[in-house]
Amino acid sequence: GCVYLEMKGNDLYLGMLTVSPEAQAKGIGKQLLLA
């Protein structure tokens, strides 16, 4: 999995949140969001 983060002013832009199709529904996306 991976996620792109970019500072834009006072906000953090989040993009390209990706989890391998074989590993989806195992909480990886949630962990990326929490990070």
All heavy atoms as atom14 arrays in JSON, in Angstrom:
{
  "sequence": "GCVYLEMKGNDLYLGMLTVSPEAQAKGIGKQLLLA",
  "atom14_mask": [
    [1, 1, 1, 1, 0, 0, 0, 0, 0, 0, 0, 0, 0, 0],
    [1, 1, 1, 1, 1, 1, 0, 0, 0, 0, 0, 0, 0, 0],
    [1, 1, 1, 1, 1, 1, 1, 0, 0, 0, 0, 0, 0, 0],
    [1, 1, 1, 1, 1, 1, 1, 1, 1, 1, 1, 1, 0, 0],
    [1, 1, 1, 1, 1, 1, 1, 1, 0, 0, 0, 0, 0, 0],
    [1, 1, 1, 1, 1, 1, 1, 1, 1, 0, 0, 0, 0, 0],
    [1, 1, 1, 1, 1, 1, 1, 1, 0, 0, 0, 0, 0, 0],
    [1, 1, 1, 1, 1, 1, 1, 1, 1, 0, 0, 0, 0, 0],
    [1, 1, 1, 1, 0, 0, 0, 0, 0, 0, 0, 0, 0, 0],
    [1, 1, 1, 1, 1, 1, 1, 1, 0, 0, 0, 0, 0, 0],
    [1, 1, 1, 1, 1, 1, 1, 1, 0, 0, 0, 0, 0, 0],
    [1, 1, 1, 1, 1, 1, 1, 1, 0, 0, 0, 0, 0, 0],
    [1, 1, 1, 1, 1, 1, 1, 1, 1, 1, 1, 1, 0, 0],
    [1, 1, 1, 1, 1, 1, 1, 1, 0, 0, 0, 0, 0, 0],
    [1, 1, 1, 1, 0, 0, 0, 0, 0, 0, 0, 0, 0, 0],
    [1, 1, 1, 1, 1, 1, 1, 1, 0, 0, 0, 0, 0, 0],
    [1, 1, 1, 1, 1, 1, 1, 1, 0, 0, 0, 0, 0, 0],
    [1, 1, 1, 1, 1, 1, 1, 0, 0, 0, 0, 0, 0, 0],
    [1, 1, 1, 1, 1, 1, 1, 0, 0, 0, 0, 0, 0, 0],
    [1, 1, 1, 1, 1, 1, 0, 0, 0, 0, 0, 0, 0, 0],
    [1, 1, 1, 1, 1, 1, 1, 0, 0, 0, 0, 0, 0, 0],
    [1, 1, 1, 1, 1, 1, 1, 1, 1, 0, 0, 0, 0, 0],
    [1, 1, 1, 1, 1, 0, 0, 0, 0, 0, 0, 0, 0, 0],
    [1, 1, 1, 1, 1, 1, 1, 1, 1, 0, 0, 0, 0, 0],
    [1, 1, 1, 1, 1, 0, 0, 0, 0, 0, 0, 0, 0, 0],
    [1, 1, 1, 1, 1, 1, 1, 1, 1, 0, 0, 0, 0, 0],
    [1, 1, 1, 1, 0, 0, 0, 0, 0, 0, 0, 0, 0, 0],
    [1, 1, 1, 1, 1, 1, 1, 1, 0, 0, 0, 0, 0, 0],
    [1, 1, 1, 1, 0, 0, 0, 0, 0, 0, 0, 0, 0, 0],
    [1, 1, 1, 1, 1, 1, 1, 1, 1, 0, 0, 0, 0, 0],
    [1, 1, 1, 1, 1, 1, 1, 1, 1, 0, 0, 0, 0, 0],
    [1, 1, 1, 1, 1, 1, 1, 1, 0, 0, 0, 0, 0, 0],
    [1, 1, 1, 1, 1, 1, 1, 1, 0, 0, 0, 0, 0, 0],
    [1, 1, 1, 1, 1, 1, 1, 1, 0, 0, 0, 0, 0, 0],
    [1, 1, 1, 1, 1, 0, 0, 0, 0, 0, 0, 0, 0, 0]
  ],
  "atom14_positions": [
    [[0.82, -1.2, 0.0], [0.0, 0.0, 0.0], [0.85, 1.25, 0.0], [2.04, 1.22, 0.32], [0.0, 0.0, 0.0], [0.0, 0.0, 0.0], [0.0, 0.0, 0.0], [0.0, 0.0, 0.0], [0.0, 0.0, 0.0], [0.0, 0.0, 0.0], [0.0, 0.0, 0.0], [0.0, 0.0, 0.0], [0.0, 0.0, 0.0], [0.0, 0.0, 0.0]],
    [[0.22, 2.36, -0.39], [0.9, 3.66, -0.36], [-0.15, 4.77, -0.33], [-1.32, 4.54, -0.62], [1.83, 3.82, -1.57], [0.99, 3.96, -3.16], [0.0, 0.0, 0.0], [0.0, 0.0, 0.0], [0.0, 0.0, 0.0], [0.0, 0.0, 0.0], [0.0, 0.0, 0.0], [0.0, 0.0, 0.0], [0.0, 0.0, 0.0], [0.0, 0.0, 0.0]],
    [[0.32, 5.95, 0.02], [-0.53, 7.14, -0.02], [0.36, 8.35, -0.27], [1.46, 8.45, 0.28], [-1.37, 7.31, 1.27], [-0.49, 7.52, 2.49], [-2.39, 8.44, 1.11], [0.0, 0.0, 0.0], [0.0, 0.0, 0.0], [0.0, 0.0, 0.0], [0.0, 0.0, 0.0], [0.0, 0.0, 0.0], [0.0, 0.0, 0.0], [0.0, 0.0, 0.0]],
    [[-0.12, 9.25, -1.12], [0.59, 10.49, -1.44], [0.07, 11.6, -0.55], [-1.16, 11.77, -0.4], [0.34, 10.84, -2.91], [0.92, 12.17, -3.34], [2.29, 12.32, -3.52], [0.11, 13.26, -3.57], [2.83, 13.54, -3.91], [0.63, 14.49, -3.97], [2.0, 14.61, -4.14], [2.53, 15.82, -4.53], [0.0, 0.0, 0.0], [0.0, 0.0, 0.0]],
    [[0.98, 12.35, 0.06], [0.62, 13.47, 0.93], [1.37, 14.71, 0.49], [2.58, 14.65, 0.24], [0.99, 13.15, 2.38], [0.39, 11.87, 2.96], [0.97, 11.59, 4.33], [-1.13, 11.96, 3.0], [0.0, 0.0, 0.0], [0.0, 0.0, 0.0], [0.0, 0.0, 0.0], [0.0, 0.0, 0.0], [0.0, 0.0, 0.0], [0.0, 0.0, 0.0]],
    [[0.66, 15.84, 0.4], [1.3, 17.09, 0.0], [0.74, 18.25, 0.8], [-0.48, 18.42, 0.91], [1.07, 17.35, -1.49], [1.75, 18.61, -1.98], [1.56, 18.87, -3.47], [1.02, 18.01, -4.18], [1.97, 19.96, -3.91], [0.0, 0.0, 0.0], [0.0, 0.0, 0.0], [0.0, 0.0, 0.0], [0.0, 0.0, 0.0], [0.0, 0.0, 0.0]],
    [[1.63, 19.05, 1.37], [1.21, 20.26, 2.07], [0.72, 21.28, 1.05], [1.41, 21.56, 0.08], [2.37, 20.85, 2.87], [2.77, 20.05, 4.1], [1.45, 19.87, 5.33], [1.09, 21.57, 5.74], [0.0, 0.0, 0.0], [0.0, 0.0, 0.0], [0.0, 0.0, 0.0], [0.0, 0.0, 0.0], [0.0, 0.0, 0.0], [0.0, 0.0, 0.0]],
    [[-0.48, 21.79, 1.28], [-1.05, 22.84, 0.44], [-1.6, 23.89, 1.38], [-2.7, 23.75, 1.9], [-2.13, 22.29, -0.49], [-1.57, 21.35, -1.54], [-2.59, 21.0, -2.6], [-1.94, 20.18, -3.69], [-2.81, 19.98, -4.83], [0.0, 0.0, 0.0], [0.0, 0.0, 0.0], [0.0, 0.0, 0.0], [0.0, 0.0, 0.0], [0.0, 0.0, 0.0]],
    [[-0.8, 24.91, 1.63], [-1.19, 25.92, 2.6], [-1.21, 25.31, 3.99], [-0.26, 24.66, 4.42], [0.0, 0.0, 0.0], [0.0, 0.0, 0.0], [0.0, 0.0, 0.0], [0.0, 0.0, 0.0], [0.0, 0.0, 0.0], [0.0, 0.0, 0.0], [0.0, 0.0, 0.0], [0.0, 0.0, 0.0], [0.0, 0.0, 0.0], [0.0, 0.0, 0.0]],
    [[-2.35, 25.47, 4.7], [-2.51, 24.9, 6.04], [-3.14, 23.52, 6.02], [-3.48, 22.98, 7.08], [-3.35, 25.84, 6.91], [-2.62, 27.13, 7.21], [-1.42, 27.12, 7.47], [-3.33, 28.24, 7.15], [0.0, 0.0, 0.0], [0.0, 0.0, 0.0], [0.0, 0.0, 0.0], [0.0, 0.0, 0.0], [0.0, 0.0, 0.0], [0.0, 0.0, 0.0]],
    [[-3.38, 22.97, 4.84], [-4.02, 21.67, 4.71], [-3.06, 20.65, 4.15], [-2.08, 20.98, 3.47], [-5.25, 21.76, 3.78], [-6.37, 22.59, 4.36], [-6.4, 22.81, 5.59], [-7.24, 23.01, 3.59], [0.0, 0.0, 0.0], [0.0, 0.0, 0.0], [0.0, 0.0, 0.0], [0.0, 0.0, 0.0], [0.0, 0.0, 0.0], [0.0, 0.0, 0.0]],
    [[-3.36, 19.39, 4.43], [-2.6, 18.28, 3.86], [-3.48, 17.64, 2.8], [-4.61, 17.21, 3.09], [-2.25, 17.26, 4.95], [-1.38, 16.09, 4.53], [0.03, 16.58, 4.15], [-1.29, 15.06, 5.64], [0.0, 0.0, 0.0], [0.0, 0.0, 0.0], [0.0, 0.0, 0.0], [0.0, 0.0, 0.0], [0.0, 0.0, 0.0], [0.0, 0.0, 0.0]],
    [[-2.99, 17.61, 1.56], [-3.72, 16.95, 0.47], [-3.35, 15.48, 0.48], [-2.17, 15.12, 0.54], [-3.38, 17.58, -0.88], [-4.03, 16.84, -2.02], [-5.37, 17.04, -2.33], [-3.32, 15.9, -2.75], [-5.98, 16.33, -3.35], [-3.92, 15.19, -3.78], [-5.25, 15.41, -4.07], [-5.86, 14.69, -5.08], [0.0, 0.0, 0.0], [0.0, 0.0, 0.0]],
    [[-4.35, 14.62, 0.4], [-4.15, 13.18, 0.38], [-4.6, 12.65, -0.98], [-5.7, 12.96, -1.44], [-4.98, 12.53, 1.5], [-4.87, 11.03, 1.7], [-5.07, 10.71, 3.18], [-5.85, 10.25, 0.86], [0.0, 0.0, 0.0], [0.0, 0.0, 0.0], [0.0, 0.0, 0.0], [0.0, 0.0, 0.0], [0.0, 0.0, 0.0], [0.0, 0.0, 0.0]],
    [[-3.75, 11.89, -1.62], [-4.1, 11.31, -2.92], [-3.46, 9.95, -3.1], [-2.61, 9.52, -2.32], [0.0, 0.0, 0.0], [0.0, 0.0, 0.0], [0.0, 0.0, 0.0], [0.0, 0.0, 0.0], [0.0, 0.0, 0.0], [0.0, 0.0, 0.0], [0.0, 0.0, 0.0], [0.0, 0.0, 0.0], [0.0, 0.0, 0.0], [0.0, 0.0, 0.0]],
    [[-3.89, 9.27, -4.13], [-3.3, 8.01, -4.55], [-3.25, 6.98, -3.41], [-2.31, 6.21, -3.29], [-1.89, 8.25, -5.13], [-1.4, 7.17, -6.05], [0.17, 7.61, -6.84], [1.31, 7.61, -5.45], [0.0, 0.0, 0.0], [0.0, 0.0, 0.0], [0.0, 0.0, 0.0], [0.0, 0.0, 0.0], [0.0, 0.0, 0.0], [0.0, 0.0, 0.0]],
    [[-4.29, 6.98, -2.56], [-4.36, 5.94, -1.53], [-4.56, 4.61, -2.25], [-5.54, 4.43, -2.96], [-5.51, 6.21, -0.56], [-5.7, 5.18, 0.54], [-4.52, 5.2, 1.5], [-6.98, 5.43, 1.3], [0.0, 0.0, 0.0], [0.0, 0.0, 0.0], [0.0, 0.0, 0.0], [0.0, 0.0, 0.0], [0.0, 0.0, 0.0], [0.0, 0.0, 0.0]],
    [[-3.6, 3.73, -2.09], [-3.57, 2.49, -2.86], [-3.31, 1.31, -1.96], [-2.42, 1.35, -1.11], [-2.42, 2.56, -3.9], [-2.55, 3.75, -4.68], [-2.43, 1.35, -4.82], [0.0, 0.0, 0.0], [0.0, 0.0, 0.0], [0.0, 0.0, 0.0], [0.0, 0.0, 0.0], [0.0, 0.0, 0.0], [0.0, 0.0, 0.0], [0.0, 0.0, 0.0]],
    [[-4.08, 0.24, -2.18], [-3.82, -1.04, -1.53], [-3.87, -2.11, -2.61], [-4.77, -2.1, -3.47], [-4.86, -1.33, -0.42], [-4.62, -2.72, 0.19], [-4.81, -0.26, 0.66], [0.0, 0.0, 0.0], [0.0, 0.0, 0.0], [0.0, 0.0, 0.0], [0.0, 0.0, 0.0], [0.0, 0.0, 0.0], [0.0, 0.0, 0.0], [0.0, 0.0, 0.0]],
    [[-2.91, -3.0, -2.59], [-2.86, -4.1, -3.55], [-4.22, -4.81, -3.59], [-4.8, -5.09, -2.53], [-1.78, -5.1, -3.16], [-1.87, -6.27, -3.91], [0.0, 0.0, 0.0], [0.0, 0.0, 0.0], [0.0, 0.0, 0.0], [0.0, 0.0, 0.0], [0.0, 0.0, 0.0], [0.0, 0.0, 0.0], [0.0, 0.0, 0.0], [0.0, 0.0, 0.0]],
    [[-4.76, -5.12, -4.78], [-6.06, -5.79, -4.85], [-6.11, -7.08, -4.01], [-7.14, -7.37, -3.4], [-6.23, -6.09, -6.34], [-5.42, -5.04, -7.02], [-4.24, -4.8, -6.11], [0.0, 0.0, 0.0], [0.0, 0.0, 0.0], [0.0, 0.0, 0.0], [0.0, 0.0, 0.0], [0.0, 0.0, 0.0], [0.0, 0.0, 0.0], [0.0, 0.0, 0.0]],
    [[-5.02, -7.81, -3.94], [-4.99, -9.05, -3.17], [-4.98, -8.81, -1.66], [-5.25, -9.73, -0.88], [-3.76, -9.9, -3.55], [-3.8, -10.46, -4.95], [-3.33, -9.48, -6.02], [-2.75, -8.43, -5.67], [-3.58, -9.75, -7.21], [0.0, 0.0, 0.0], [0.0, 0.0, 0.0], [0.0, 0.0, 0.0], [0.0, 0.0, 0.0], [0.0, 0.0, 0.0]],
    [[-4.65, -7.6, -1.23], [-4.54, -7.31, 0.2], [-5.65, -6.38, 0.7], [-5.59, -5.93, 1.85], [-3.17, -6.69, 0.48], [0.0, 0.0, 0.0], [0.0, 0.0, 0.0], [0.0, 0.0, 0.0], [0.0, 0.0, 0.0], [0.0, 0.0, 0.0], [0.0, 0.0, 0.0], [0.0, 0.0, 0.0], [0.0, 0.0, 0.0], [0.0, 0.0, 0.0]],
    [[-6.65, -6.1, -0.13], [-7.71, -5.19, 0.29], [-8.62, -5.87, 1.33], [-8.66, -7.08, 1.43], [-8.51, -4.73, -0.93], [-7.69, -3.8, -1.79], [-8.43, -3.26, -3.0], [-9.64, -3.39, -3.13], [-7.68, -2.66, -3.9], [0.0, 0.0, 0.0], [0.0, 0.0, 0.0], [0.0, 0.0, 0.0], [0.0, 0.0, 0.0], [0.0, 0.0, 0.0]],
    [[-9.3, -5.03, 2.1], [-10.22, -5.45, 3.17], [-9.47, -6.09, 4.34], [-10.03, -6.9, 5.06], [-11.31, -6.38, 2.63], [0.0, 0.0, 0.0], [0.0, 0.0, 0.0], [0.0, 0.0, 0.0], [0.0, 0.0, 0.0], [0.0, 0.0, 0.0], [0.0, 0.0, 0.0], [0.0, 0.0, 0.0], [0.0, 0.0, 0.0], [0.0, 0.0, 0.0]],
    [[-8.2, -5.71, 4.53], [-7.42, -6.21, 5.67], [-6.98, -5.08, 6.58], [-6.11, -5.27, 7.43], [-6.19, -6.98, 5.15], [-6.55, -8.23, 4.39], [-5.32, -8.97, 3.93], [-5.72, -10.21, 3.16], [-4.55, -10.94, 2.66], [0.0, 0.0, 0.0], [0.0, 0.0, 0.0], [0.0, 0.0, 0.0], [0.0, 0.0, 0.0], [0.0, 0.0, 0.0]],
    [[-7.52, -3.87, 6.38], [-7.2, -2.75, 7.25], [-6.01, -1.92, 6.84], [-5.65, -0.97, 7.53], [0.0, 0.0, 0.0], [0.0, 0.0, 0.0], [0.0, 0.0, 0.0], [0.0, 0.0, 0.0], [0.0, 0.0, 0.0], [0.0, 0.0, 0.0], [0.0, 0.0, 0.0], [0.0, 0.0, 0.0], [0.0, 0.0, 0.0], [0.0, 0.0, 0.0]],
    [[-5.4, -2.23, 5.71], [-4.22, -1.47, 5.27], [-4.6, -0.05, 4.9], [-3.9, 0.9, 5.26], [-3.52, -2.2, 4.1], [-2.97, -3.54, 4.6], [-2.41, -1.33, 3.5], [-2.45, -4.46, 3.49], [0.0, 0.0, 0.0], [0.0, 0.0, 0.0], [0.0, 0.0, 0.0], [0.0, 0.0, 0.0], [0.0, 0.0, 0.0], [0.0, 0.0, 0.0]],
    [[-5.7, 0.14, 4.2], [-6.15, 1.48, 3.84], [-6.41, 2.33, 5.08], [-6.03, 3.51, 5.14], [0.0, 0.0, 0.0], [0.0, 0.0, 0.0], [0.0, 0.0, 0.0], [0.0, 0.0, 0.0], [0.0, 0.0, 0.0], [0.0, 0.0, 0.0], [0.0, 0.0, 0.0], [0.0, 0.0, 0.0], [0.0, 0.0, 0.0], [0.0, 0.0, 0.0]],
    [[-7.03, 1.73, 6.09], [-7.27, 2.45, 7.34], [-5.96, 2.85, 8.0], [-5.83, 3.96, 8.52], [-8.08, 1.58, 8.3], [-9.51, 1.36, 7.89], [-10.2, 0.42, 8.85], [-11.49, -0.09, 8.24], [-12.06, -1.21, 9.0], [0.0, 0.0, 0.0], [0.0, 0.0, 0.0], [0.0, 0.0, 0.0], [0.0, 0.0, 0.0], [0.0, 0.0, 0.0]],
    [[-4.97, 1.96, 7.98], [-3.68, 2.29, 8.58], [-2.98, 3.42, 7.82], [-2.37, 4.3, 8.43], [-2.78, 1.05, 8.61], [-3.27, 0.04, 9.63], [-2.33, -1.14, 9.76], [-1.14, -0.95, 9.99], [-2.86, -2.34, 9.62], [0.0, 0.0, 0.0], [0.0, 0.0, 0.0], [0.0, 0.0, 0.0], [0.0, 0.0, 0.0], [0.0, 0.0, 0.0]],
    [[-3.1, 3.42, 6.5], [-2.53, 4.51, 5.71], [-3.22, 5.84, 6.05], [-2.57, 6.88, 6.19], [-2.64, 4.21, 4.22], [-1.69, 3.12, 3.7], [-2.17, 2.57, 2.36], [-0.27, 3.65, 3.59], [0.0, 0.0, 0.0], [0.0, 0.0, 0.0], [0.0, 0.0, 0.0], [0.0, 0.0, 0.0], [0.0, 0.0, 0.0], [0.0, 0.0, 0.0]],
    [[-4.55, 5.82, 6.2], [-5.28, 7.03, 6.58], [-4.87, 7.52, 7.97], [-4.68, 8.72, 8.17], [-6.79, 6.77, 6.57], [-7.56, 7.0, 5.3], [-9.06, 6.8, 5.54], [-7.3, 8.36, 4.7], [0.0, 0.0, 0.0], [0.0, 0.0, 0.0], [0.0, 0.0, 0.0], [0.0, 0.0, 0.0], [0.0, 0.0, 0.0], [0.0, 0.0, 0.0]],
    [[-4.74, 6.6, 8.92], [-4.33, 6.99, 10.27], [-2.94, 7.6, 10.27], [-2.68, 8.58, 10.97], [-4.38, 5.79, 11.21], [-5.78, 5.32, 11.59], [-5.71, 4.01, 12.36], [-6.51, 6.38, 12.4], [0.0, 0.0, 0.0], [0.0, 0.0, 0.0], [0.0, 0.0, 0.0], [0.0, 0.0, 0.0], [0.0, 0.0, 0.0], [0.0, 0.0, 0.0]],
    [[-2.03, 7.04, 9.46], [-0.68, 7.61, 9.36], [-0.75, 9.02, 8.79], [-0.06, 9.93, 9.26], [0.21, 6.71, 8.5], [0.0, 0.0, 0.0], [0.0, 0.0, 0.0], [0.0, 0.0, 0.0], [0.0, 0.0, 0.0], [0.0, 0.0, 0.0], [0.0, 0.0, 0.0], [0.0, 0.0, 0.0], [0.0, 0.0, 0.0], [0.0, 0.0, 0.0]]
  ]
}
